C-alpha cells in the first residue's frame, strides 16, 4: 500500500527539477529520491521524537508535584516566556514568585536538566546506553556539543609503530561517519553541523516543556 506525502521545495529548486524532468527514470524518480532521504534521516527523527516525548512526560510529572498556587505562578511565567529560551530558569522563577527555599527541591531537577539536557538521555529507553546517546548528541558533557571522538590510533604513523612523528591527523566521528581531519582544521569543524544538531536537540527537549505547560494551562481555564 502506498501513502502520499506533500513535499514543499523552493521555487529555484522546482525550476531546476522541471528542467531535469527527462533525466529522471523509474529507478531514479523524485519519489524514490525522497523515500531514500526520509529513510536516511528516519533514525534522527525517531531520536528527536524520543527527546520531545521525554521532555513532555518530564513536564507532566513536574506539574503534578506543584500545588495549585505554584501551578498558577508557573502558567504566568510561561505565558510571557522569552522567545529565545534562557539557559537558566532560576532568575525567571524567582521574579515570578515561584521559587522559595521551601520548594526548591520541586524545581531542582528541572533547573539541572534544562541546562544539561544530555543527562536525561540515560532515562530514555530504546536507543542503547548513555554512551550511545552521547555519541549521537555529540558528547556535550565534555565538548559542549562538539562530536569529537579521537580513536586510540590517530595516525598512519602511530598504527605502524613510528610514534616519533607528529600526529597531524585525527580520526573523528562526525555525524556518524569516521573522518580523518587535519588538526589545524579542528577548530573550524568544531562549531558547525554537530553543534547545530546539539542545539536542535536541546531546543526540542525545552520546547516540549514549554508546550506541555501551555497545554496544561489551557485545560485549566
N, C-alpha and C. Protein backbone atom coordinates (compact mmCIF):
# COMPACT_ATOMS: atom_id res chain seq x y z
N UNK A 1 0.82 -1.18 0.00
CA UNK A 1 0.00 0.00 0.00
C UNK A 1 0.87 1.25 0.00
N UNK A 2 0.52 2.23 -0.81
CA UNK A 2 1.31 3.45 -0.96
C UNK A 2 0.56 4.63 -0.37
N UNK A 3 1.25 5.41 0.46
CA UNK A 3 0.70 6.63 1.03
C UNK A 3 1.34 7.84 0.35
N UNK A 4 0.59 8.93 0.27
CA UNK A 4 1.10 10.13 -0.38
C UNK A 4 1.49 11.18 0.65
N UNK A 5 2.61 11.84 0.39
CA UNK A 5 3.08 12.96 1.19
C UNK A 5 3.27 14.17 0.28
N UNK A 6 2.92 15.34 0.78
CA UNK A 6 3.17 16.57 0.03
C UNK A 6 4.49 17.16 0.49
N UNK A 7 5.38 17.41 -0.45
CA UNK A 7 6.71 17.95 -0.13
C UNK A 7 6.84 19.34 -0.74
N UNK A 8 7.23 20.30 0.07
CA UNK A 8 7.44 21.67 -0.41
C UNK A 8 8.91 21.90 -0.73
N UNK A 9 9.18 22.54 -1.86
CA UNK A 9 10.55 22.87 -2.25
C UNK A 9 10.60 24.32 -2.71
N UNK A 10 11.75 24.96 -2.61
CA UNK A 10 11.88 26.36 -3.04
C UNK A 10 11.65 26.50 -4.55
N UNK A 11 11.27 27.70 -4.97
CA UNK A 11 10.99 27.96 -6.39
C UNK A 11 12.19 27.63 -7.28
N UNK A 12 13.38 28.00 -6.85
CA UNK A 12 14.58 27.76 -7.67
C UNK A 12 14.81 26.27 -7.88
N UNK A 13 14.63 25.48 -6.80
CA UNK A 13 14.80 24.03 -6.93
C UNK A 13 13.72 23.45 -7.83
N UNK A 14 12.50 23.95 -7.72
CA UNK A 14 11.40 23.48 -8.55
C UNK A 14 11.72 23.69 -10.03
N UNK A 15 12.26 24.87 -10.36
CA UNK A 15 12.63 25.16 -11.75
C UNK A 15 13.71 24.22 -12.25
N UNK A 16 14.67 23.92 -11.38
CA UNK A 16 15.74 23.00 -11.77
C UNK A 16 15.18 21.59 -12.01
N UNK A 17 14.25 21.18 -11.15
CA UNK A 17 13.63 19.85 -11.31
C UNK A 17 12.86 19.79 -12.63
N UNK A 18 12.14 20.87 -12.94
CA UNK A 18 11.39 20.91 -14.18
C UNK A 18 12.32 20.80 -15.39
N UNK A 19 13.45 21.48 -15.31
CA UNK A 19 14.42 21.43 -16.42
C UNK A 19 15.08 20.06 -16.55
N UNK A 20 15.07 19.31 -15.44
CA UNK A 20 15.75 18.00 -15.45
C UNK A 20 14.77 16.84 -15.56
N UNK A 21 13.53 17.12 -15.93
CA UNK A 21 12.49 16.09 -15.96
C UNK A 21 12.88 14.84 -16.75
N UNK A 22 13.51 15.07 -17.89
CA UNK A 22 13.85 13.94 -18.76
C UNK A 22 14.94 13.07 -18.15
N UNK A 23 15.65 13.60 -17.17
CA UNK A 23 16.74 12.84 -16.56
C UNK A 23 16.28 11.87 -15.49
N UNK A 24 15.04 12.01 -15.05
CA UNK A 24 14.51 11.10 -14.03
C UNK A 24 13.93 9.84 -14.69
N UNK A 25 14.11 8.73 -14.03
CA UNK A 25 13.60 7.46 -14.54
C UNK A 25 12.82 6.75 -13.45
N UNK A 26 12.29 5.59 -13.75
CA UNK A 26 11.52 4.84 -12.77
C UNK A 26 12.37 4.47 -11.57
N UNK A 27 13.63 4.10 -11.84
CA UNK A 27 14.54 3.71 -10.76
C UNK A 27 15.13 4.92 -10.06
N UNK A 28 15.09 6.08 -10.75
CA UNK A 28 15.70 7.30 -10.21
C UNK A 28 14.66 8.42 -10.21
N UNK A 29 13.48 8.09 -9.74
CA UNK A 29 12.38 9.06 -9.74
C UNK A 29 12.47 9.98 -8.53
N UNK A 30 11.72 11.07 -8.58
CA UNK A 30 11.70 12.01 -7.45
C UNK A 30 11.17 11.32 -6.20
N UNK A 31 10.15 10.47 -6.39
CA UNK A 31 9.59 9.73 -5.26
C UNK A 31 10.63 8.84 -4.59
N UNK A 32 11.44 8.14 -5.43
CA UNK A 32 12.48 7.26 -4.90
C UNK A 32 13.53 8.07 -4.14
N UNK A 33 13.90 9.24 -4.68
CA UNK A 33 14.89 10.10 -4.05
C UNK A 33 14.38 10.57 -2.69
N UNK A 34 13.14 11.00 -2.65
CA UNK A 34 12.54 11.46 -1.39
C UNK A 34 12.45 10.32 -0.38
N UNK A 35 12.07 9.13 -0.85
CA UNK A 35 11.99 7.97 0.04
C UNK A 35 13.34 7.67 0.68
N UNK A 36 14.40 7.69 -0.14
CA UNK A 36 15.74 7.41 0.39
C UNK A 36 16.15 8.48 1.41
N UNK A 37 15.84 9.73 1.11
CA UNK A 37 16.20 10.82 2.03
C UNK A 37 15.48 10.67 3.36
N UNK A 38 14.21 10.27 3.31
CA UNK A 38 13.45 10.06 4.55
C UNK A 38 14.03 8.90 5.34
N UNK A 39 14.35 7.80 4.63
CA UNK A 39 14.92 6.63 5.31
C UNK A 39 16.27 6.98 5.94
N UNK A 40 17.07 7.79 5.25
CA UNK A 40 18.38 8.17 5.77
C UNK A 40 18.27 9.02 7.04
N UNK A 41 17.19 9.78 7.16
CA UNK A 41 17.02 10.69 8.29
C UNK A 41 16.04 10.18 9.34
N UNK A 42 15.49 8.99 9.10
CA UNK A 42 14.46 8.47 9.99
C UNK A 42 14.99 8.22 11.40
N UNK A 43 16.20 7.70 11.50
CA UNK A 43 16.78 7.41 12.82
C UNK A 43 16.89 8.69 13.65
N UNK A 44 17.39 9.76 13.03
CA UNK A 44 17.49 11.03 13.75
C UNK A 44 16.12 11.55 14.16
N UNK A 45 15.14 11.39 13.27
CA UNK A 45 13.78 11.87 13.57
C UNK A 45 13.18 11.08 14.74
N UNK A 46 13.42 9.77 14.76
CA UNK A 46 12.91 8.95 15.86
C UNK A 46 13.56 9.33 17.19
N UNK A 47 14.85 9.60 17.13
CA UNK A 47 15.55 10.01 18.35
C UNK A 47 15.05 11.38 18.82
N UNK A 48 14.83 12.30 17.89
CA UNK A 48 14.31 13.62 18.24
C UNK A 48 12.92 13.48 18.86
N UNK A 49 12.12 12.58 18.32
CA UNK A 49 10.79 12.33 18.88
C UNK A 49 10.90 11.80 20.30
N UNK A 50 11.86 10.91 20.52
CA UNK A 50 12.08 10.37 21.87
C UNK A 50 12.50 11.48 22.83
N UNK A 51 13.32 12.40 22.35
CA UNK A 51 13.74 13.54 23.17
C UNK A 51 12.53 14.40 23.54
N UNK A 52 11.69 14.70 22.54
CA UNK A 52 10.49 15.52 22.77
C UNK A 52 9.55 14.82 23.76
N UNK A 53 9.28 13.54 23.52
CA UNK A 53 8.37 12.80 24.39
C UNK A 53 8.88 12.76 25.83
N UNK A 54 10.20 12.64 25.98
CA UNK A 54 10.78 12.62 27.32
C UNK A 54 10.58 13.97 28.00
N UNK A 55 10.81 15.06 27.26
CA UNK A 55 10.60 16.39 27.83
C UNK A 55 9.16 16.61 28.24
N UNK A 56 8.24 16.15 27.40
CA UNK A 56 6.81 16.34 27.68
C UNK A 56 6.38 15.55 28.92
N UNK A 57 6.81 14.29 29.00
CA UNK A 57 6.44 13.46 30.16
C UNK A 57 7.11 13.98 31.43
N UNK A 58 8.33 14.49 31.29
CA UNK A 58 9.01 15.09 32.44
C UNK A 58 8.21 16.28 32.96
N UNK A 59 7.72 17.12 32.03
CA UNK A 59 6.95 18.31 32.41
C UNK A 59 5.63 17.90 33.09
N UNK A 60 5.00 16.85 32.60
CA UNK A 60 3.75 16.39 33.21
C UNK A 60 3.98 15.96 34.66
N UNK A 61 5.07 15.22 34.88
CA UNK A 61 5.38 14.77 36.24
C UNK A 61 5.73 15.97 37.13
N UNK A 62 6.48 16.90 36.56
CA UNK A 62 6.87 18.11 37.31
C UNK A 62 5.64 18.92 37.72
N UNK A 63 4.72 19.11 36.78
CA UNK A 63 3.49 19.86 37.08
C UNK A 63 2.66 19.18 38.16
N UNK A 64 2.67 17.87 38.14
CA UNK A 64 1.90 17.12 39.13
C UNK A 64 2.41 17.28 40.54
N UNK A 65 3.66 17.69 40.69
CA UNK A 65 4.25 17.88 42.02
C UNK A 65 4.04 19.29 42.56
N UNK A 66 3.46 20.18 41.76
CA UNK A 66 3.22 21.55 42.20
C UNK A 66 1.82 21.70 42.76
N UNK A 67 1.68 22.55 43.77
CA UNK A 67 0.34 22.83 44.28
C UNK A 67 -0.35 23.84 43.36
N UNK A 68 -1.61 24.14 43.62
CA UNK A 68 -2.39 25.00 42.73
C UNK A 68 -1.77 26.39 42.60
N UNK A 69 -1.32 26.95 43.73
CA UNK A 69 -0.72 28.29 43.70
C UNK A 69 0.55 28.29 42.85
N UNK A 70 1.36 27.26 42.98
CA UNK A 70 2.60 27.16 42.21
C UNK A 70 2.30 26.97 40.73
N UNK A 71 1.28 26.19 40.43
CA UNK A 71 0.89 25.99 39.04
C UNK A 71 0.45 27.29 38.39
N UNK A 72 -0.29 28.11 39.13
CA UNK A 72 -0.75 29.39 38.61
C UNK A 72 0.42 30.32 38.33
N UNK A 73 1.38 30.34 39.21
CA UNK A 73 2.57 31.17 39.01
C UNK A 73 3.39 30.68 37.81
N UNK A 74 3.48 29.35 37.68
CA UNK A 74 4.21 28.77 36.55
C UNK A 74 3.53 29.13 35.22
N UNK A 75 2.20 29.09 35.19
CA UNK A 75 1.46 29.43 33.97
C UNK A 75 1.75 30.87 33.56
N UNK A 76 1.81 31.78 34.53
CA UNK A 76 2.09 33.18 34.22
C UNK A 76 3.50 33.36 33.67
N UNK A 77 4.45 32.63 34.25
CA UNK A 77 5.84 32.71 33.78
C UNK A 77 5.94 32.23 32.34
N UNK A 78 5.29 31.12 32.03
CA UNK A 78 5.39 30.55 30.68
C UNK A 78 4.51 31.29 29.68
N UNK A 79 3.51 32.01 30.18
CA UNK A 79 2.68 32.81 29.29
C UNK A 79 3.51 33.95 28.68
N UNK A 80 4.46 34.43 29.43
CA UNK A 80 5.35 35.51 28.97
C UNK A 80 6.78 35.01 28.76
N UNK A 81 6.88 33.75 28.42
CA UNK A 81 8.20 33.13 28.28
C UNK A 81 8.96 33.74 27.11
N UNK A 82 10.26 34.01 27.27
CA UNK A 82 11.05 34.60 26.18
C UNK A 82 11.05 33.73 24.93
N UNK A 83 11.04 34.38 23.78
CA UNK A 83 11.06 33.64 22.52
C UNK A 83 12.34 32.82 22.40
N UNK A 84 13.46 33.44 22.78
CA UNK A 84 14.73 32.70 22.83
C UNK A 84 14.90 32.19 24.25
N UNK A 85 14.80 30.89 24.40
CA UNK A 85 14.80 30.30 25.72
C UNK A 85 16.07 30.66 26.50
N UNK A 86 15.93 31.06 27.76
CA UNK A 86 17.11 31.34 28.58
C UNK A 86 17.81 30.05 28.96
N UNK A 87 19.09 30.13 29.23
CA UNK A 87 19.84 28.94 29.63
C UNK A 87 19.52 28.56 31.07
N UNK A 88 19.21 29.55 31.88
CA UNK A 88 18.95 29.33 33.31
C UNK A 88 17.54 29.81 33.64
N UNK A 89 16.78 28.99 34.36
CA UNK A 89 15.40 29.34 34.72
C UNK A 89 15.27 29.97 36.10
N UNK A 90 16.31 29.93 36.90
CA UNK A 90 16.19 30.37 38.29
C UNK A 90 15.79 31.83 38.41
N UNK A 91 16.34 32.68 37.57
CA UNK A 91 16.02 34.11 37.64
C UNK A 91 14.55 34.36 37.31
N UNK A 92 14.05 33.72 36.24
CA UNK A 92 12.65 33.88 35.87
C UNK A 92 11.71 33.36 36.96
N UNK A 93 12.04 32.22 37.53
CA UNK A 93 11.20 31.64 38.56
C UNK A 93 11.20 32.50 39.82
N UNK A 94 12.35 33.09 40.13
CA UNK A 94 12.43 33.96 41.30
C UNK A 94 11.59 35.21 41.11
N UNK A 95 11.71 35.84 39.92
CA UNK A 95 10.95 37.04 39.63
C UNK A 95 9.45 36.76 39.61
N UNK A 96 9.08 35.54 39.19
CA UNK A 96 7.67 35.17 39.14
C UNK A 96 7.10 34.72 40.47
N UNK A 97 7.93 34.77 41.51
CA UNK A 97 7.46 34.40 42.84
C UNK A 97 7.26 32.91 43.04
N UNK A 98 7.79 32.12 42.13
CA UNK A 98 7.58 30.67 42.20
C UNK A 98 8.64 29.97 43.05
N UNK A 99 9.82 30.56 43.12
CA UNK A 99 10.96 29.91 43.77
C UNK A 99 11.11 30.40 45.21
N UNK A 100 11.23 29.45 46.11
CA UNK A 100 11.47 29.77 47.52
C UNK A 100 12.31 28.66 48.13
N UNK A 101 12.96 28.93 49.27
CA UNK A 101 13.77 27.88 49.91
C UNK A 101 12.97 26.62 50.25
N UNK A 102 11.68 26.81 50.51
CA UNK A 102 10.85 25.67 50.90
C UNK A 102 10.52 24.73 49.72
N UNK A 103 10.41 25.30 48.51
CA UNK A 103 10.01 24.44 47.37
C UNK A 103 11.12 24.22 46.36
N UNK A 104 12.34 24.57 46.73
CA UNK A 104 13.47 24.42 45.80
C UNK A 104 13.62 23.00 45.28
N UNK A 105 13.37 22.01 46.15
CA UNK A 105 13.53 20.61 45.74
C UNK A 105 12.59 20.24 44.59
N UNK A 106 11.45 20.90 44.51
CA UNK A 106 10.49 20.61 43.45
C UNK A 106 11.03 21.02 42.08
N UNK A 107 11.90 22.02 42.07
CA UNK A 107 12.37 22.59 40.80
C UNK A 107 13.78 22.16 40.42
N UNK A 108 14.50 21.57 41.36
CA UNK A 108 15.94 21.34 41.15
C UNK A 108 16.23 20.48 39.93
N UNK A 109 15.41 19.42 39.68
CA UNK A 109 15.63 18.56 38.51
C UNK A 109 15.39 19.32 37.22
N UNK A 110 14.35 20.14 37.20
CA UNK A 110 14.06 20.94 36.00
C UNK A 110 15.21 21.89 35.72
N UNK A 111 15.72 22.57 36.73
CA UNK A 111 16.84 23.50 36.55
C UNK A 111 18.07 22.77 36.01
N UNK A 112 18.33 21.59 36.57
CA UNK A 112 19.51 20.83 36.16
C UNK A 112 19.42 20.34 34.72
N UNK A 113 18.29 19.69 34.40
CA UNK A 113 18.16 19.11 33.06
C UNK A 113 17.96 20.19 31.99
N UNK A 114 17.37 21.32 32.37
CA UNK A 114 17.19 22.42 31.41
C UNK A 114 18.54 22.89 30.89
N UNK A 115 19.53 22.92 31.78
CA UNK A 115 20.87 23.38 31.40
C UNK A 115 21.73 22.25 30.85
N UNK A 116 21.43 21.03 31.24
CA UNK A 116 22.25 19.88 30.84
C UNK A 116 21.34 18.75 30.35
N UNK A 117 20.72 18.98 29.20
CA UNK A 117 19.71 18.05 28.69
C UNK A 117 20.26 16.65 28.49
N UNK A 118 21.52 16.55 28.10
CA UNK A 118 22.09 15.23 27.80
C UNK A 118 22.05 14.29 28.99
N UNK A 119 21.96 14.84 30.20
CA UNK A 119 21.90 13.99 31.39
C UNK A 119 20.57 13.25 31.50
N UNK A 120 19.59 13.67 30.73
CA UNK A 120 18.28 12.99 30.74
C UNK A 120 18.29 11.72 29.90
N UNK A 121 19.22 11.60 28.98
CA UNK A 121 19.12 10.56 27.96
C UNK A 121 19.30 9.15 28.49
N UNK A 122 19.91 9.02 29.65
CA UNK A 122 20.02 7.68 30.22
C UNK A 122 18.66 7.17 30.67
N UNK A 123 17.67 8.08 30.76
CA UNK A 123 16.32 7.69 31.15
C UNK A 123 15.48 7.27 29.94
N UNK A 124 15.97 7.55 28.73
CA UNK A 124 15.19 7.25 27.53
C UNK A 124 15.54 5.84 27.04
N UNK A 125 14.54 5.01 26.90
CA UNK A 125 14.76 3.62 26.50
C UNK A 125 14.64 3.45 24.99
N UNK A 126 15.33 2.44 24.48
CA UNK A 126 15.16 2.08 23.08
C UNK A 126 16.32 2.45 22.18
N UNK A 127 17.31 3.19 22.71
CA UNK A 127 18.41 3.62 21.86
C UNK A 127 19.77 3.33 22.48
N UNK A 128 19.86 2.28 23.23
CA UNK A 128 21.15 1.90 23.79
C UNK A 128 21.43 2.60 25.10
N UNK A 129 22.69 2.54 25.53
CA UNK A 129 23.07 3.12 26.81
C UNK A 129 23.39 4.60 26.68
N UNK A 130 23.87 5.18 27.78
CA UNK A 130 24.17 6.61 27.80
C UNK A 130 25.26 6.97 26.79
N UNK A 131 26.26 6.09 26.65
CA UNK A 131 27.34 6.35 25.69
C UNK A 131 26.80 6.44 24.27
N UNK A 132 25.83 5.58 23.96
CA UNK A 132 25.22 5.61 22.63
C UNK A 132 24.54 6.95 22.37
N UNK A 133 23.84 7.46 23.38
CA UNK A 133 23.20 8.77 23.24
C UNK A 133 24.24 9.88 23.10
N UNK A 134 25.32 9.79 23.89
CA UNK A 134 26.36 10.81 23.83
C UNK A 134 27.03 10.87 22.48
N UNK A 135 27.22 9.70 21.85
CA UNK A 135 27.80 9.68 20.51
C UNK A 135 26.88 10.38 19.52
N UNK A 136 25.58 10.13 19.67
CA UNK A 136 24.62 10.75 18.75
C UNK A 136 24.51 12.25 18.97
N UNK A 137 24.47 12.66 20.23
CA UNK A 137 24.27 14.09 20.53
C UNK A 137 25.57 14.89 20.40
N UNK A 138 26.72 14.23 20.55
CA UNK A 138 27.98 14.94 20.41
C UNK A 138 28.71 15.15 21.71
N UNK A 139 28.45 14.29 22.71
CA UNK A 139 29.15 14.34 23.98
C UNK A 139 29.28 15.75 24.54
N UNK A 140 28.18 16.47 24.74
CA UNK A 140 28.25 17.85 25.22
C UNK A 140 28.84 17.99 26.60
N UNK A 141 28.77 16.90 27.39
CA UNK A 141 29.30 16.99 28.75
C UNK A 141 30.79 17.29 28.74
N UNK A 142 31.47 16.87 27.70
CA UNK A 142 32.92 17.06 27.61
C UNK A 142 33.27 18.16 26.61
N UNK A 143 32.58 18.17 25.50
CA UNK A 143 32.97 19.05 24.40
C UNK A 143 31.95 20.14 24.08
N UNK A 144 30.96 20.33 24.94
CA UNK A 144 29.96 21.37 24.73
C UNK A 144 29.29 21.24 23.37
N UNK A 145 28.95 20.00 23.02
CA UNK A 145 28.21 19.79 21.78
C UNK A 145 29.05 19.41 20.59
N UNK A 146 30.38 19.38 20.72
CA UNK A 146 31.24 19.05 19.60
C UNK A 146 31.50 17.56 19.59
N UNK A 147 31.19 16.93 18.48
CA UNK A 147 31.23 15.46 18.40
C UNK A 147 32.62 14.98 18.00
N UNK A 148 33.57 15.07 18.92
CA UNK A 148 34.94 14.64 18.66
C UNK A 148 35.24 13.37 19.43
N UNK A 149 35.59 12.32 18.71
CA UNK A 149 35.93 11.07 19.36
C UNK A 149 37.25 10.54 18.79
N UNK A 150 38.38 11.05 19.27
CA UNK A 150 39.68 10.56 18.79
C UNK A 150 39.82 9.07 19.07
N UNK A 151 40.28 8.35 18.08
CA UNK A 151 40.47 6.91 18.24
C UNK A 151 41.80 6.63 18.95
N UNK A 152 41.96 5.39 19.40
CA UNK A 152 43.18 5.02 20.10
C UNK A 152 44.40 5.24 19.22
N UNK A 153 44.30 4.85 17.95
CA UNK A 153 45.37 5.09 17.00
C UNK A 153 44.92 6.18 16.05
N UNK A 154 45.55 7.34 16.15
CA UNK A 154 45.06 8.50 15.44
C UNK A 154 45.68 8.69 14.06
N UNK A 155 46.85 8.14 13.82
CA UNK A 155 47.54 8.40 12.57
C UNK A 155 48.09 7.12 11.96
N UNK A 156 48.42 7.23 10.69
CA UNK A 156 49.05 6.12 9.96
C UNK A 156 50.36 5.75 10.64
N UNK A 157 51.15 6.76 11.05
CA UNK A 157 52.46 6.51 11.66
C UNK A 157 52.32 5.77 12.99
N UNK A 158 51.33 6.16 13.79
CA UNK A 158 51.16 5.54 15.08
C UNK A 158 50.72 4.08 14.92
N UNK A 159 49.89 3.83 13.89
CA UNK A 159 49.44 2.47 13.64
C UNK A 159 50.60 1.54 13.35
N UNK A 160 51.60 2.07 12.66
CA UNK A 160 52.73 1.23 12.25
C UNK A 160 53.95 1.42 13.15
N UNK A 161 53.73 1.95 14.34
CA UNK A 161 54.79 1.96 15.35
C UNK A 161 55.73 3.14 15.33
N UNK A 162 55.61 4.03 14.37
CA UNK A 162 56.51 5.17 14.32
C UNK A 162 55.87 6.34 15.07
N UNK A 163 55.96 6.32 16.40
CA UNK A 163 55.27 7.31 17.21
C UNK A 163 56.08 8.58 17.39
N UNK A 164 57.28 8.65 16.83
CA UNK A 164 58.12 9.84 16.98
C UNK A 164 57.67 10.98 16.08
N UNK A 165 56.93 10.63 15.00
CA UNK A 165 56.45 11.66 14.09
C UNK A 165 55.27 12.41 14.70
N UNK A 166 55.09 13.70 14.37
CA UNK A 166 53.96 14.47 14.92
C UNK A 166 52.63 13.93 14.44
N UNK A 167 51.63 13.94 15.32
CA UNK A 167 50.30 13.48 14.96
C UNK A 167 49.56 14.63 14.26
N UNK A 168 49.59 14.63 12.95
CA UNK A 168 48.99 15.73 12.21
C UNK A 168 47.51 15.49 11.91
N UNK A 169 47.07 14.23 12.01
CA UNK A 169 45.69 13.92 11.70
C UNK A 169 45.03 13.19 12.86
N UNK A 170 43.73 13.34 12.94
CA UNK A 170 42.93 12.62 13.93
C UNK A 170 41.76 11.97 13.23
N UNK A 171 41.36 10.79 13.70
CA UNK A 171 40.13 10.16 13.21
C UNK A 171 39.00 10.59 14.11
N UNK A 172 38.00 11.25 13.55
CA UNK A 172 36.87 11.75 14.32
C UNK A 172 35.59 11.11 13.82
N UNK A 173 34.61 11.01 14.71
CA UNK A 173 33.28 10.58 14.33
C UNK A 173 32.43 11.84 14.17
N UNK A 174 32.08 12.16 12.93
CA UNK A 174 31.30 13.36 12.66
C UNK A 174 30.03 12.96 11.94
N UNK A 175 28.88 13.27 12.57
CA UNK A 175 27.57 12.87 12.02
C UNK A 175 27.54 11.38 11.71
N UNK A 176 28.16 10.58 12.57
CA UNK A 176 28.12 9.14 12.41
C UNK A 176 29.14 8.57 11.45
N UNK A 177 29.97 9.44 10.83
CA UNK A 177 30.96 8.98 9.87
C UNK A 177 32.37 9.20 10.39
N UNK A 178 33.24 8.22 10.16
CA UNK A 178 34.63 8.35 10.57
C UNK A 178 35.39 9.18 9.53
N UNK A 179 36.00 10.25 9.98
CA UNK A 179 36.68 11.17 9.07
C UNK A 179 38.07 11.50 9.61
N UNK A 180 39.10 11.45 8.75
CA UNK A 180 40.43 11.88 9.13
C UNK A 180 40.54 13.38 8.92
N UNK A 181 40.93 14.08 9.96
CA UNK A 181 40.93 15.54 9.91
C UNK A 181 42.29 16.09 10.33
N UNK A 182 42.76 17.07 9.58
CA UNK A 182 43.98 17.77 9.94
C UNK A 182 43.73 18.52 11.26
N UNK A 183 44.66 18.41 12.19
CA UNK A 183 44.47 19.03 13.49
C UNK A 183 44.29 20.54 13.38
N UNK A 184 44.90 21.13 12.35
CA UNK A 184 44.76 22.58 12.16
C UNK A 184 43.33 22.96 11.78
N UNK A 185 42.57 21.98 11.24
CA UNK A 185 41.19 22.26 10.84
C UNK A 185 40.20 21.95 11.95
N UNK A 186 40.70 21.46 13.09
CA UNK A 186 39.84 21.01 14.16
C UNK A 186 38.90 22.10 14.65
N UNK A 187 39.44 23.29 14.84
CA UNK A 187 38.62 24.39 15.37
C UNK A 187 37.50 24.76 14.40
N UNK A 188 37.77 24.70 13.10
CA UNK A 188 36.76 25.07 12.11
C UNK A 188 35.59 24.11 12.13
N UNK A 189 35.88 22.81 12.34
CA UNK A 189 34.83 21.80 12.32
C UNK A 189 33.99 21.89 13.59
N UNK A 190 34.63 22.27 14.69
CA UNK A 190 34.00 22.20 15.99
C UNK A 190 32.69 22.94 16.14
N UNK A 191 32.50 24.07 15.44
CA UNK A 191 31.31 24.86 15.64
C UNK A 191 30.43 24.86 14.40
N UNK A 192 30.22 23.70 13.80
CA UNK A 192 29.40 23.66 12.58
C UNK A 192 28.21 22.74 12.76
N UNK A 193 28.08 21.74 11.91
CA UNK A 193 26.88 20.92 11.87
C UNK A 193 26.62 20.14 13.15
N UNK A 194 27.66 19.72 13.84
CA UNK A 194 27.48 18.97 15.07
C UNK A 194 26.83 19.84 16.14
N UNK A 195 27.29 21.08 16.25
CA UNK A 195 26.72 21.98 17.24
C UNK A 195 25.30 22.38 16.88
N UNK A 196 25.03 22.51 15.60
CA UNK A 196 23.67 22.83 15.17
C UNK A 196 22.72 21.72 15.61
N UNK A 197 23.14 20.47 15.43
CA UNK A 197 22.30 19.35 15.84
C UNK A 197 22.12 19.33 17.35
N UNK A 198 23.19 19.58 18.09
CA UNK A 198 23.09 19.61 19.55
C UNK A 198 22.12 20.71 20.00
N UNK A 199 22.22 21.89 19.39
CA UNK A 199 21.31 22.99 19.73
C UNK A 199 19.86 22.60 19.44
N UNK A 200 19.64 21.89 18.34
CA UNK A 200 18.29 21.44 18.00
C UNK A 200 17.75 20.44 19.02
N UNK A 201 18.62 19.57 19.50
CA UNK A 201 18.23 18.58 20.50
C UNK A 201 17.82 19.27 21.80
N UNK A 202 18.66 20.20 22.24
CA UNK A 202 18.35 20.96 23.46
C UNK A 202 17.03 21.71 23.31
N UNK A 203 16.87 22.38 22.16
CA UNK A 203 15.66 23.16 21.91
C UNK A 203 14.43 22.27 21.87
N UNK A 204 14.57 21.06 21.32
CA UNK A 204 13.44 20.13 21.24
C UNK A 204 12.96 19.72 22.62
N UNK A 205 13.90 19.39 23.52
CA UNK A 205 13.52 18.99 24.87
C UNK A 205 12.88 20.16 25.62
N UNK A 206 13.48 21.34 25.49
CA UNK A 206 12.95 22.52 26.18
C UNK A 206 11.59 22.93 25.61
N UNK A 207 11.44 22.82 24.29
CA UNK A 207 10.16 23.17 23.65
C UNK A 207 9.05 22.25 24.16
N UNK A 208 9.37 20.99 24.39
CA UNK A 208 8.38 20.06 24.92
C UNK A 208 7.91 20.50 26.30
N UNK A 209 8.82 21.01 27.12
CA UNK A 209 8.47 21.50 28.45
C UNK A 209 7.49 22.67 28.32
N UNK A 210 7.86 23.63 27.47
CA UNK A 210 7.05 24.84 27.29
C UNK A 210 5.67 24.48 26.76
N UNK A 211 5.61 23.62 25.75
CA UNK A 211 4.33 23.26 25.14
C UNK A 211 3.45 22.48 26.11
N UNK A 212 4.05 21.64 26.93
CA UNK A 212 3.28 20.88 27.91
C UNK A 212 2.63 21.83 28.92
N UNK A 213 3.38 22.83 29.39
CA UNK A 213 2.83 23.79 30.35
C UNK A 213 1.70 24.59 29.71
N UNK A 214 1.88 24.99 28.46
CA UNK A 214 0.84 25.77 27.78
C UNK A 214 -0.43 24.94 27.56
N UNK A 215 -0.27 23.68 27.20
CA UNK A 215 -1.43 22.79 27.04
C UNK A 215 -2.14 22.60 28.38
N UNK A 216 -1.34 22.42 29.42
CA UNK A 216 -1.88 22.26 30.77
C UNK A 216 -2.66 23.52 31.18
N UNK A 217 -2.14 24.68 30.83
CA UNK A 217 -2.79 25.95 31.17
C UNK A 217 -4.15 26.07 30.50
N UNK A 218 -4.22 25.65 29.24
CA UNK A 218 -5.49 25.74 28.51
C UNK A 218 -6.54 24.80 29.11
N UNK A 219 -6.09 23.65 29.55
CA UNK A 219 -7.03 22.69 30.14
C UNK A 219 -7.60 23.19 31.45
N UNK A 220 -6.80 24.03 32.14
CA UNK A 220 -7.22 24.51 33.44
C UNK A 220 -8.15 25.72 33.38
N UNK A 221 -8.25 26.34 32.16
CA UNK A 221 -9.08 27.53 32.00
C UNK A 221 -10.57 27.17 32.07
